Amino acid sequence: MKAFFMRRSLLAATGLGLALLATLPAQAAPTMPAVPAPQLSETSAPPVATPYPDTAVAHDQVAQAFALAQKTHRKVLLDFGGNWCPDCKMLSGIFALPDAARWLDSQFIVVPVNVGRINTNLDLAERYGVTIKAVPTVIIVTPDGHALNDDGSTALGNARSMSPQAVLDLISGWNKRG
């Protein structure tokens, strides 16, 4: 999964993301229908050591994610956290499980947003009516900017005690809202 996030960070950092966007057809269309989460055989996941990129790239990555979401009709999953947070590391480990990663990629543009010590990039969540008080905070947003789970964005704050299936089922429920 580290490669998954690194690929997204690399695209944003090098501008390749914008070049890829230019090759996609420009169409306004509804988001893809929500596909239920897969049934995972894994009952646990190893944590990811450093799941979040540098705080400086967040705004650009979010902007690129929304541009790509509009082109691909997927939603954006904003994963706010910090590399010091055990639950954030565990959530990233769950996201890295092969079946989970495939499903997430089919439904969302996943953006890990580093909030430092809950003191930076907080404005990105506030755009969607969410005030970050704890991490991880996950917000699912439609390509046109409508948050689907602003009422439950902190529900994954105990990711260490949740099964991978429970995490995906929760995200799947939010995904069905839009």
N, C-alpha and C. Protein backbone atom coordinates (compact mmCIF):
# COMPACT_ATOMS: atom_id res chain seq x y z
N MET A 1 0.83 -1.18 0.00
CA MET A 1 0.00 0.00 0.00
C MET A 1 0.87 1.24 0.00
N LYS A 2 2.05 1.13 0.61
CA LYS A 2 2.95 2.28 0.59
C LYS A 2 3.21 2.69 -0.85
N ALA A 3 3.37 1.71 -1.73
CA ALA A 3 3.58 2.01 -3.15
C ALA A 3 2.35 2.70 -3.72
N PHE A 4 1.15 2.30 -3.29
CA PHE A 4 -0.09 2.90 -3.74
C PHE A 4 -0.09 4.39 -3.43
N PHE A 5 0.22 4.75 -2.16
CA PHE A 5 0.24 6.15 -1.78
C PHE A 5 1.42 6.88 -2.40
N MET A 6 2.57 6.20 -2.50
CA MET A 6 3.74 6.83 -3.09
C MET A 6 3.49 7.15 -4.56
N ARG A 7 2.78 6.26 -5.27
CA ARG A 7 2.48 6.50 -6.67
C ARG A 7 1.64 7.77 -6.79
N ARG A 8 0.65 7.91 -5.94
CA ARG A 8 -0.19 9.10 -5.98
C ARG A 8 0.62 10.35 -5.62
N SER A 9 1.48 10.24 -4.63
CA SER A 9 2.31 11.37 -4.24
C SER A 9 3.28 11.73 -5.35
N LEU A 10 3.85 10.73 -5.99
CA LEU A 10 4.79 10.96 -7.07
C LEU A 10 4.11 11.65 -8.24
N LEU A 11 2.90 11.20 -8.58
CA LEU A 11 2.17 11.86 -9.67
C LEU A 11 1.93 13.32 -9.35
N ALA A 12 1.54 13.59 -8.13
CA ALA A 12 1.27 14.97 -7.75
C ALA A 12 2.54 15.80 -7.76
N ALA A 13 3.62 15.24 -7.23
CA ALA A 13 4.86 15.99 -7.11
C ALA A 13 5.49 16.28 -8.46
N THR A 14 5.33 15.39 -9.42
CA THR A 14 6.01 15.57 -10.70
C THR A 14 5.15 16.22 -11.77
N GLY A 15 3.88 16.41 -11.47
CA GLY A 15 3.00 16.98 -12.47
C GLY A 15 2.47 15.96 -13.45
N LEU A 16 2.86 14.70 -13.30
CA LEU A 16 2.36 13.67 -14.19
C LEU A 16 0.86 13.50 -14.06
N GLY A 17 0.35 13.77 -12.87
CA GLY A 17 -1.09 13.66 -12.67
C GLY A 17 -1.85 14.58 -13.61
N LEU A 18 -1.36 15.80 -13.78
CA LEU A 18 -2.01 16.73 -14.69
C LEU A 18 -1.90 16.27 -16.13
N ALA A 19 -0.76 15.71 -16.50
CA ALA A 19 -0.60 15.20 -17.85
C ALA A 19 -1.56 14.05 -18.12
N LEU A 20 -1.75 13.18 -17.14
CA LEU A 20 -2.69 12.08 -17.30
C LEU A 20 -4.12 12.59 -17.41
N LEU A 21 -4.45 13.62 -16.64
CA LEU A 21 -5.79 14.18 -16.70
C LEU A 21 -6.10 14.72 -18.08
N ALA A 22 -5.12 15.30 -18.73
CA ALA A 22 -5.34 15.89 -20.04
C ALA A 22 -5.69 14.84 -21.09
N THR A 23 -5.34 13.58 -20.84
CA THR A 23 -5.62 12.54 -21.83
C THR A 23 -7.01 11.94 -21.67
N LEU A 24 -7.70 12.27 -20.58
CA LEU A 24 -9.02 11.71 -20.33
C LEU A 24 -10.09 12.59 -20.97
N PRO A 25 -11.18 11.99 -21.48
CA PRO A 25 -12.24 12.79 -22.09
C PRO A 25 -12.96 13.64 -21.05
N ALA A 26 -13.33 14.84 -21.43
CA ALA A 26 -14.03 15.75 -20.52
C ALA A 26 -15.53 15.53 -20.67
N GLN A 27 -16.15 14.95 -19.66
CA GLN A 27 -17.58 14.71 -19.67
C GLN A 27 -18.11 14.93 -18.26
N ALA A 28 -19.29 15.48 -18.19
CA ALA A 28 -19.95 15.59 -16.90
C ALA A 28 -20.89 14.40 -16.78
N ALA A 29 -20.72 13.60 -15.78
CA ALA A 29 -21.57 12.43 -15.60
C ALA A 29 -21.68 12.13 -14.12
N PRO A 30 -22.70 11.40 -13.71
CA PRO A 30 -22.83 11.04 -12.30
C PRO A 30 -21.70 10.11 -11.88
N THR A 31 -21.56 9.98 -10.57
CA THR A 31 -20.53 9.08 -10.07
C THR A 31 -20.90 7.64 -10.38
N MET A 32 -19.89 6.81 -10.36
CA MET A 32 -20.11 5.38 -10.60
C MET A 32 -21.03 4.82 -9.52
N PRO A 33 -21.84 3.82 -9.86
CA PRO A 33 -22.67 3.20 -8.83
C PRO A 33 -21.78 2.57 -7.76
N ALA A 34 -22.23 2.64 -6.53
CA ALA A 34 -21.47 2.07 -5.43
C ALA A 34 -21.47 0.55 -5.54
N VAL A 35 -20.30 -0.03 -5.46
CA VAL A 35 -20.13 -1.48 -5.48
C VAL A 35 -19.86 -1.90 -4.03
N PRO A 36 -20.55 -2.92 -3.54
CA PRO A 36 -20.32 -3.36 -2.16
C PRO A 36 -18.85 -3.75 -1.93
N ALA A 37 -18.42 -3.58 -0.72
CA ALA A 37 -17.05 -3.97 -0.35
C ALA A 37 -16.87 -5.47 -0.54
N PRO A 38 -15.68 -5.88 -0.93
CA PRO A 38 -15.43 -7.33 -1.07
C PRO A 38 -15.42 -8.00 0.29
N GLN A 39 -15.63 -9.29 0.30
CA GLN A 39 -15.50 -10.07 1.53
C GLN A 39 -14.04 -10.45 1.67
N LEU A 40 -13.41 -9.95 2.69
CA LEU A 40 -11.98 -10.17 2.90
C LEU A 40 -11.75 -11.46 3.67
N SER A 41 -10.68 -12.14 3.30
CA SER A 41 -10.30 -13.33 4.06
C SER A 41 -9.36 -12.96 5.22
N GLU A 42 -8.71 -11.80 5.10
CA GLU A 42 -7.78 -11.36 6.14
C GLU A 42 -8.55 -10.89 7.37
N THR A 43 -8.08 -11.30 8.52
CA THR A 43 -8.70 -10.85 9.76
C THR A 43 -7.90 -9.77 10.45
N SER A 44 -6.72 -9.49 9.91
CA SER A 44 -5.89 -8.41 10.44
C SER A 44 -5.01 -7.90 9.30
N ALA A 45 -4.35 -6.78 9.58
CA ALA A 45 -3.46 -6.19 8.58
C ALA A 45 -2.25 -5.60 9.30
N PRO A 46 -1.09 -5.63 8.66
CA PRO A 46 0.07 -5.00 9.28
C PRO A 46 -0.02 -3.48 9.11
N PRO A 47 0.36 -2.72 10.12
CA PRO A 47 0.33 -1.26 9.98
C PRO A 47 1.37 -0.79 8.96
N VAL A 48 1.11 0.37 8.37
CA VAL A 48 2.05 1.00 7.44
C VAL A 48 2.87 1.99 8.25
N ALA A 49 4.18 1.95 8.11
CA ALA A 49 5.06 2.78 8.93
C ALA A 49 4.86 4.27 8.72
N THR A 50 4.82 4.73 7.50
CA THR A 50 4.65 6.16 7.20
C THR A 50 3.64 6.33 6.06
N PRO A 51 2.36 6.29 6.39
CA PRO A 51 1.33 6.31 5.35
C PRO A 51 1.06 7.68 4.72
N TYR A 52 1.50 8.74 5.34
CA TYR A 52 1.13 10.08 4.87
C TYR A 52 2.33 10.81 4.29
N PRO A 53 2.14 11.45 3.12
CA PRO A 53 3.23 12.22 2.51
C PRO A 53 3.45 13.52 3.26
N ASP A 54 4.42 14.26 2.86
CA ASP A 54 4.74 15.56 3.45
C ASP A 54 3.50 16.45 3.48
N THR A 55 3.36 17.24 4.52
CA THR A 55 2.20 18.12 4.66
C THR A 55 2.09 19.13 3.51
N ALA A 56 3.20 19.47 2.90
CA ALA A 56 3.22 20.49 1.86
C ALA A 56 2.50 20.09 0.58
N VAL A 57 2.30 18.82 0.33
CA VAL A 57 1.71 18.39 -0.94
C VAL A 57 0.19 18.21 -0.87
N ALA A 58 -0.40 18.36 0.28
CA ALA A 58 -1.82 18.03 0.46
C ALA A 58 -2.76 18.82 -0.44
N HIS A 59 -2.63 20.13 -0.48
CA HIS A 59 -3.55 20.93 -1.27
C HIS A 59 -3.49 20.56 -2.75
N ASP A 60 -2.29 20.38 -3.27
CA ASP A 60 -2.15 20.00 -4.68
C ASP A 60 -2.73 18.61 -4.93
N GLN A 61 -2.47 17.66 -4.03
CA GLN A 61 -3.00 16.31 -4.20
C GLN A 61 -4.52 16.29 -4.17
N VAL A 62 -5.11 17.06 -3.29
CA VAL A 62 -6.57 17.10 -3.21
C VAL A 62 -7.15 17.71 -4.48
N ALA A 63 -6.55 18.79 -4.96
CA ALA A 63 -7.03 19.41 -6.20
C ALA A 63 -6.94 18.45 -7.37
N GLN A 64 -5.83 17.75 -7.48
CA GLN A 64 -5.66 16.78 -8.56
C GLN A 64 -6.64 15.61 -8.41
N ALA A 65 -6.89 15.20 -7.19
CA ALA A 65 -7.82 14.09 -6.95
C ALA A 65 -9.22 14.46 -7.43
N PHE A 66 -9.66 15.68 -7.15
CA PHE A 66 -10.99 16.08 -7.58
C PHE A 66 -11.07 16.22 -9.10
N ALA A 67 -10.03 16.69 -9.72
CA ALA A 67 -10.01 16.76 -11.18
C ALA A 67 -10.11 15.36 -11.77
N LEU A 68 -9.37 14.42 -11.21
CA LEU A 68 -9.41 13.04 -11.69
C LEU A 68 -10.76 12.38 -11.38
N ALA A 69 -11.31 12.68 -10.22
CA ALA A 69 -12.62 12.12 -9.84
C ALA A 69 -13.70 12.57 -10.82
N GLN A 70 -13.65 13.81 -11.25
CA GLN A 70 -14.63 14.29 -12.21
C GLN A 70 -14.48 13.58 -13.55
N LYS A 71 -13.27 13.28 -13.93
CA LYS A 71 -13.03 12.58 -15.21
C LYS A 71 -13.40 11.10 -15.14
N THR A 72 -13.17 10.47 -14.00
CA THR A 72 -13.37 9.03 -13.87
C THR A 72 -14.68 8.67 -13.17
N HIS A 73 -15.40 9.67 -12.67
CA HIS A 73 -16.70 9.49 -12.02
C HIS A 73 -16.60 8.69 -10.72
N ARG A 74 -15.43 8.74 -10.10
CA ARG A 74 -15.26 8.12 -8.78
C ARG A 74 -15.37 9.21 -7.72
N LYS A 75 -15.59 8.78 -6.51
CA LYS A 75 -15.61 9.70 -5.38
C LYS A 75 -14.18 9.86 -4.86
N VAL A 76 -13.99 10.85 -4.00
CA VAL A 76 -12.70 11.09 -3.37
C VAL A 76 -12.79 10.65 -1.91
N LEU A 77 -11.84 9.85 -1.48
CA LEU A 77 -11.75 9.44 -0.09
C LEU A 77 -10.56 10.18 0.50
N LEU A 78 -10.86 11.14 1.37
CA LEU A 78 -9.82 11.92 2.04
C LEU A 78 -9.53 11.26 3.38
N ASP A 79 -8.30 10.81 3.54
CA ASP A 79 -7.85 10.13 4.76
C ASP A 79 -6.91 11.06 5.50
N PHE A 80 -7.44 11.77 6.49
CA PHE A 80 -6.66 12.72 7.27
C PHE A 80 -6.00 12.01 8.44
N GLY A 81 -4.70 12.18 8.59
CA GLY A 81 -4.00 11.53 9.68
C GLY A 81 -2.58 12.01 9.82
N GLY A 82 -1.84 11.31 10.64
CA GLY A 82 -0.43 11.64 10.87
C GLY A 82 0.39 10.38 11.02
N ASN A 83 1.64 10.47 10.64
CA ASN A 83 2.52 9.30 10.71
C ASN A 83 2.84 8.86 12.13
N TRP A 84 2.48 9.62 13.12
CA TRP A 84 2.68 9.31 14.53
C TRP A 84 1.50 8.52 15.11
N CYS A 85 0.39 8.42 14.36
CA CYS A 85 -0.87 7.89 14.87
C CYS A 85 -1.01 6.39 14.62
N PRO A 86 -1.09 5.57 15.67
CA PRO A 86 -1.21 4.12 15.49
C PRO A 86 -2.47 3.70 14.72
N ASP A 87 -3.61 4.35 14.96
CA ASP A 87 -4.83 3.99 14.24
C ASP A 87 -4.73 4.37 12.77
N CYS A 88 -4.03 5.46 12.47
CA CYS A 88 -3.81 5.87 11.07
C CYS A 88 -2.95 4.84 10.35
N LYS A 89 -1.92 4.38 11.01
CA LYS A 89 -1.04 3.36 10.42
C LYS A 89 -1.79 2.07 10.17
N MET A 90 -2.67 1.70 11.09
CA MET A 90 -3.46 0.48 10.94
C MET A 90 -4.47 0.64 9.81
N LEU A 91 -5.13 1.79 9.74
CA LEU A 91 -6.08 2.02 8.66
C LEU A 91 -5.39 1.92 7.30
N SER A 92 -4.21 2.47 7.19
CA SER A 92 -3.44 2.37 5.95
C SER A 92 -3.06 0.93 5.65
N GLY A 93 -2.78 0.17 6.68
CA GLY A 93 -2.49 -1.25 6.48
C GLY A 93 -3.70 -1.99 5.93
N ILE A 94 -4.87 -1.66 6.43
CA ILE A 94 -6.11 -2.27 5.91
C ILE A 94 -6.31 -1.86 4.45
N PHE A 95 -6.10 -0.58 4.16
CA PHE A 95 -6.24 -0.09 2.78
C PHE A 95 -5.25 -0.79 1.84
N ALA A 96 -4.13 -1.27 2.38
CA ALA A 96 -3.10 -1.91 1.55
C ALA A 96 -3.37 -3.39 1.26
N LEU A 97 -4.31 -3.99 1.96
CA LEU A 97 -4.63 -5.39 1.67
C LEU A 97 -5.06 -5.48 0.20
N PRO A 98 -4.58 -6.47 -0.54
CA PRO A 98 -4.82 -6.51 -1.99
C PRO A 98 -6.29 -6.35 -2.40
N ASP A 99 -7.19 -7.10 -1.81
CA ASP A 99 -8.61 -6.99 -2.19
C ASP A 99 -9.18 -5.63 -1.79
N ALA A 100 -8.77 -5.14 -0.64
CA ALA A 100 -9.24 -3.83 -0.20
C ALA A 100 -8.72 -2.74 -1.13
N ALA A 101 -7.44 -2.80 -1.48
CA ALA A 101 -6.84 -1.78 -2.36
C ALA A 101 -7.52 -1.78 -3.73
N ARG A 102 -7.82 -2.95 -4.28
CA ARG A 102 -8.51 -3.02 -5.58
C ARG A 102 -9.89 -2.39 -5.50
N TRP A 103 -10.63 -2.72 -4.44
CA TRP A 103 -11.97 -2.17 -4.30
C TRP A 103 -11.92 -0.66 -4.09
N LEU A 104 -11.04 -0.20 -3.20
CA LEU A 104 -10.92 1.23 -2.96
C LEU A 104 -10.59 1.97 -4.25
N ASP A 105 -9.65 1.43 -5.01
CA ASP A 105 -9.24 2.08 -6.26
C ASP A 105 -10.38 2.08 -7.28
N SER A 106 -11.26 1.10 -7.25
CA SER A 106 -12.38 1.07 -8.20
C SER A 106 -13.46 2.08 -7.84
N GLN A 107 -13.52 2.47 -6.59
CA GLN A 107 -14.59 3.35 -6.12
C GLN A 107 -14.15 4.79 -5.83
N PHE A 108 -12.87 4.96 -5.50
CA PHE A 108 -12.41 6.25 -4.99
C PHE A 108 -11.06 6.65 -5.56
N ILE A 109 -10.82 7.94 -5.48
CA ILE A 109 -9.47 8.46 -5.57
C ILE A 109 -9.08 8.66 -4.10
N VAL A 110 -8.15 7.88 -3.62
CA VAL A 110 -7.76 7.92 -2.21
C VAL A 110 -6.63 8.93 -2.03
N VAL A 111 -6.84 9.86 -1.09
CA VAL A 111 -5.84 10.88 -0.83
C VAL A 111 -5.47 10.87 0.65
N PRO A 112 -4.26 10.44 0.98
CA PRO A 112 -3.81 10.54 2.37
C PRO A 112 -3.36 11.98 2.63
N VAL A 113 -3.98 12.62 3.61
CA VAL A 113 -3.68 14.02 3.93
C VAL A 113 -3.01 14.07 5.29
N ASN A 114 -1.77 14.52 5.30
CA ASN A 114 -1.01 14.63 6.54
C ASN A 114 -1.42 15.92 7.26
N VAL A 115 -1.92 15.77 8.48
CA VAL A 115 -2.33 16.94 9.26
C VAL A 115 -1.30 17.29 10.34
N GLY A 116 -0.09 16.75 10.20
CA GLY A 116 0.94 17.02 11.20
C GLY A 116 0.47 16.53 12.56
N ARG A 117 0.54 17.40 13.54
CA ARG A 117 0.06 17.08 14.90
C ARG A 117 -1.32 17.70 15.10
N ILE A 118 -2.15 17.53 14.07
CA ILE A 118 -3.49 18.12 14.01
C ILE A 118 -3.37 19.65 14.06
N ASN A 119 -2.42 20.15 13.24
CA ASN A 119 -2.19 21.58 13.20
C ASN A 119 -1.95 22.13 11.79
N THR A 120 -2.17 21.30 10.77
CA THR A 120 -1.99 21.78 9.40
C THR A 120 -2.96 21.03 8.47
N ASN A 121 -3.29 21.65 7.38
CA ASN A 121 -4.20 21.10 6.36
C ASN A 121 -5.61 20.86 6.89
N LEU A 122 -5.94 21.44 8.02
CA LEU A 122 -7.27 21.28 8.59
C LEU A 122 -8.34 21.96 7.75
N ASP A 123 -7.95 22.98 7.00
CA ASP A 123 -8.89 23.69 6.14
C ASP A 123 -9.46 22.79 5.05
N LEU A 124 -8.72 21.76 4.68
CA LEU A 124 -9.21 20.84 3.65
C LEU A 124 -10.44 20.08 4.13
N ALA A 125 -10.49 19.73 5.40
CA ALA A 125 -11.67 19.06 5.96
C ALA A 125 -12.79 20.06 6.21
N GLU A 126 -12.44 21.25 6.61
CA GLU A 126 -13.46 22.27 6.90
C GLU A 126 -14.28 22.63 5.66
N ARG A 127 -13.71 22.46 4.48
CA ARG A 127 -14.46 22.69 3.23
C ARG A 127 -15.72 21.83 3.17
N TYR A 128 -15.69 20.71 3.86
CA TYR A 128 -16.80 19.75 3.80
C TYR A 128 -17.56 19.68 5.12
N GLY A 129 -17.41 20.69 5.95
CA GLY A 129 -18.15 20.77 7.19
C GLY A 129 -17.61 19.90 8.31
N VAL A 130 -16.36 19.48 8.20
CA VAL A 130 -15.77 18.60 9.20
C VAL A 130 -14.63 19.32 9.91
N THR A 131 -14.69 19.34 11.23
CA THR A 131 -13.61 19.89 12.04
C THR A 131 -12.82 18.71 12.58
N ILE A 132 -11.54 18.66 12.26
CA ILE A 132 -10.70 17.55 12.70
C ILE A 132 -10.26 17.80 14.14
N LYS A 133 -10.65 16.88 15.01
CA LYS A 133 -10.26 16.92 16.42
C LYS A 133 -9.44 15.71 16.79
N ALA A 134 -9.52 14.67 15.95
CA ALA A 134 -8.79 13.43 16.17
C ALA A 134 -8.55 12.79 14.81
N VAL A 135 -7.58 11.91 14.77
CA VAL A 135 -7.28 11.20 13.53
C VAL A 135 -7.24 9.70 13.82
N PRO A 136 -7.51 8.86 12.83
CA PRO A 136 -7.83 9.24 11.46
C PRO A 136 -9.25 9.80 11.35
N THR A 137 -9.38 10.72 10.42
CA THR A 137 -10.68 11.25 10.02
C THR A 137 -10.79 10.96 8.53
N VAL A 138 -11.87 10.31 8.13
CA VAL A 138 -12.07 9.94 6.73
C VAL A 138 -13.34 10.62 6.23
N ILE A 139 -13.21 11.29 5.10
CA ILE A 139 -14.35 11.95 4.48
C ILE A 139 -14.47 11.44 3.05
N ILE A 140 -15.67 11.01 2.69
CA ILE A 140 -15.95 10.59 1.32
C ILE A 140 -16.72 11.73 0.67
N VAL A 141 -16.19 12.17 -0.48
CA VAL A 141 -16.73 13.35 -1.15
C VAL A 141 -17.03 13.03 -2.61
N THR A 142 -18.18 13.48 -3.09
CA THR A 142 -18.52 13.31 -4.49
C THR A 142 -17.62 14.22 -5.33
N PRO A 143 -17.49 13.94 -6.62
CA PRO A 143 -16.64 14.79 -7.45
C PRO A 143 -17.05 16.27 -7.46
N ASP A 144 -18.32 16.53 -7.19
CA ASP A 144 -18.78 17.93 -7.16
C ASP A 144 -18.67 18.56 -5.77
N GLY A 145 -18.08 17.84 -4.80
CA GLY A 145 -17.76 18.44 -3.51
C GLY A 145 -18.76 18.22 -2.40
N HIS A 146 -19.64 17.24 -2.52
CA HIS A 146 -20.62 16.95 -1.47
C HIS A 146 -20.10 15.83 -0.56
N ALA A 147 -19.92 16.15 0.74
CA ALA A 147 -19.46 15.13 1.70
C ALA A 147 -20.60 14.16 1.99
N LEU A 148 -20.30 12.87 1.95
CA LEU A 148 -21.32 11.85 2.18
C LEU A 148 -21.35 11.35 3.62
N ASN A 149 -20.29 11.58 4.37
CA ASN A 149 -20.23 11.02 5.72
C ASN A 149 -19.72 12.02 6.74
N ASP A 150 -20.07 13.27 6.58
CA ASP A 150 -19.61 14.26 7.54
C ASP A 150 -20.13 13.96 8.95
N ASP A 151 -21.19 13.16 9.05
CA ASP A 151 -21.73 12.78 10.35
C ASP A 151 -20.95 11.65 11.03
N GLY A 152 -20.10 10.93 10.28
CA GLY A 152 -19.40 9.79 10.85
C GLY A 152 -17.93 9.76 10.50
N SER A 153 -17.38 10.91 10.18
CA SER A 153 -16.01 10.96 9.66
C SER A 153 -14.95 10.46 10.64
N THR A 154 -15.26 10.44 11.93
CA THR A 154 -14.28 9.97 12.91
C THR A 154 -14.53 8.52 13.35
N ALA A 155 -15.45 7.85 12.70
CA ALA A 155 -15.81 6.48 13.10
C ALA A 155 -14.67 5.48 12.96
N LEU A 156 -13.66 5.82 12.19
CA LEU A 156 -12.52 4.90 12.03
C LEU A 156 -11.39 5.24 13.00
N GLY A 157 -11.67 6.07 13.97
CA GLY A 157 -10.67 6.47 14.96
C GLY A 157 -10.17 5.33 15.82
N ASN A 158 -10.85 4.23 15.81
CA ASN A 158 -10.40 3.05 16.57
C ASN A 158 -10.05 1.92 15.60
N ALA A 159 -9.41 2.25 14.51
CA ALA A 159 -9.08 1.26 13.47
C ALA A 159 -8.29 0.08 14.01
N ARG A 160 -7.49 0.31 15.05
CA ARG A 160 -6.70 -0.80 15.62
C ARG A 160 -7.58 -1.90 16.19
N SER A 161 -8.77 -1.56 16.61
CA SER A 161 -9.65 -2.57 17.21
C SER A 161 -10.72 -3.07 16.23
N MET A 162 -10.67 -2.60 15.00
CA MET A 162 -11.65 -3.01 13.99
C MET A 162 -11.06 -4.06 13.07
N SER A 163 -11.89 -4.96 12.60
CA SER A 163 -11.43 -5.91 11.59
C SER A 163 -11.36 -5.20 10.24
N PRO A 164 -10.51 -5.68 9.35
CA PRO A 164 -10.49 -5.10 8.01
C PRO A 164 -11.88 -5.10 7.36
N GLN A 165 -12.64 -6.16 7.57
CA GLN A 165 -13.98 -6.23 6.98
C GLN A 165 -14.88 -5.14 7.54
N ALA A 166 -14.81 -4.91 8.84
CA ALA A 166 -15.64 -3.87 9.45
C ALA A 166 -15.29 -2.49 8.89
N VAL A 167 -14.01 -2.23 8.66
CA VAL A 167 -13.58 -0.95 8.08
C VAL A 167 -14.17 -0.79 6.69
N LEU A 168 -14.01 -1.81 5.84
CA LEU A 168 -14.52 -1.70 4.47
C LEU A 168 -16.05 -1.63 4.45
N ASP A 169 -16.71 -2.35 5.32
CA ASP A 169 -18.17 -2.31 5.36
C ASP A 169 -18.66 -0.91 5.74
N LEU A 170 -17.98 -0.26 6.67
CA LEU A 170 -18.34 1.10 7.05
C LEU A 170 -18.15 2.06 5.87
N ILE A 171 -17.02 1.97 5.21
CA ILE A 171 -16.75 2.83 4.05
C ILE A 171 -17.76 2.53 2.93
N SER A 172 -18.09 1.27 2.74
CA SER A 172 -19.07 0.88 1.73
C SER A 172 -20.43 1.51 2.02
N GLY A 173 -20.83 1.53 3.28
CA GLY A 173 -22.09 2.15 3.67
C GLY A 173 -22.11 3.63 3.33
N TRP A 174 -21.01 4.31 3.63
CA TRP A 174 -20.91 5.73 3.28
C TRP A 174 -20.97 5.92 1.77
N ASN A 175 -20.29 5.04 1.04
CA ASN A 175 -20.22 5.13 -0.41
C ASN A 175 -21.62 5.03 -1.03
N LYS A 176 -22.50 4.24 -0.43
CA LYS A 176 -23.85 4.05 -0.97
C LYS A 176 -24.72 5.30 -0.82
N ARG A 177 -24.29 6.23 -0.02
CA ARG A 177 -25.09 7.43 0.21
C ARG A 177 -25.12 8.36 -1.02
N GLY A 178 -24.18 8.18 -1.90
CA GLY A 178 -24.13 9.14 -3.02
C GLY A 178 -23.93 8.58 -4.31
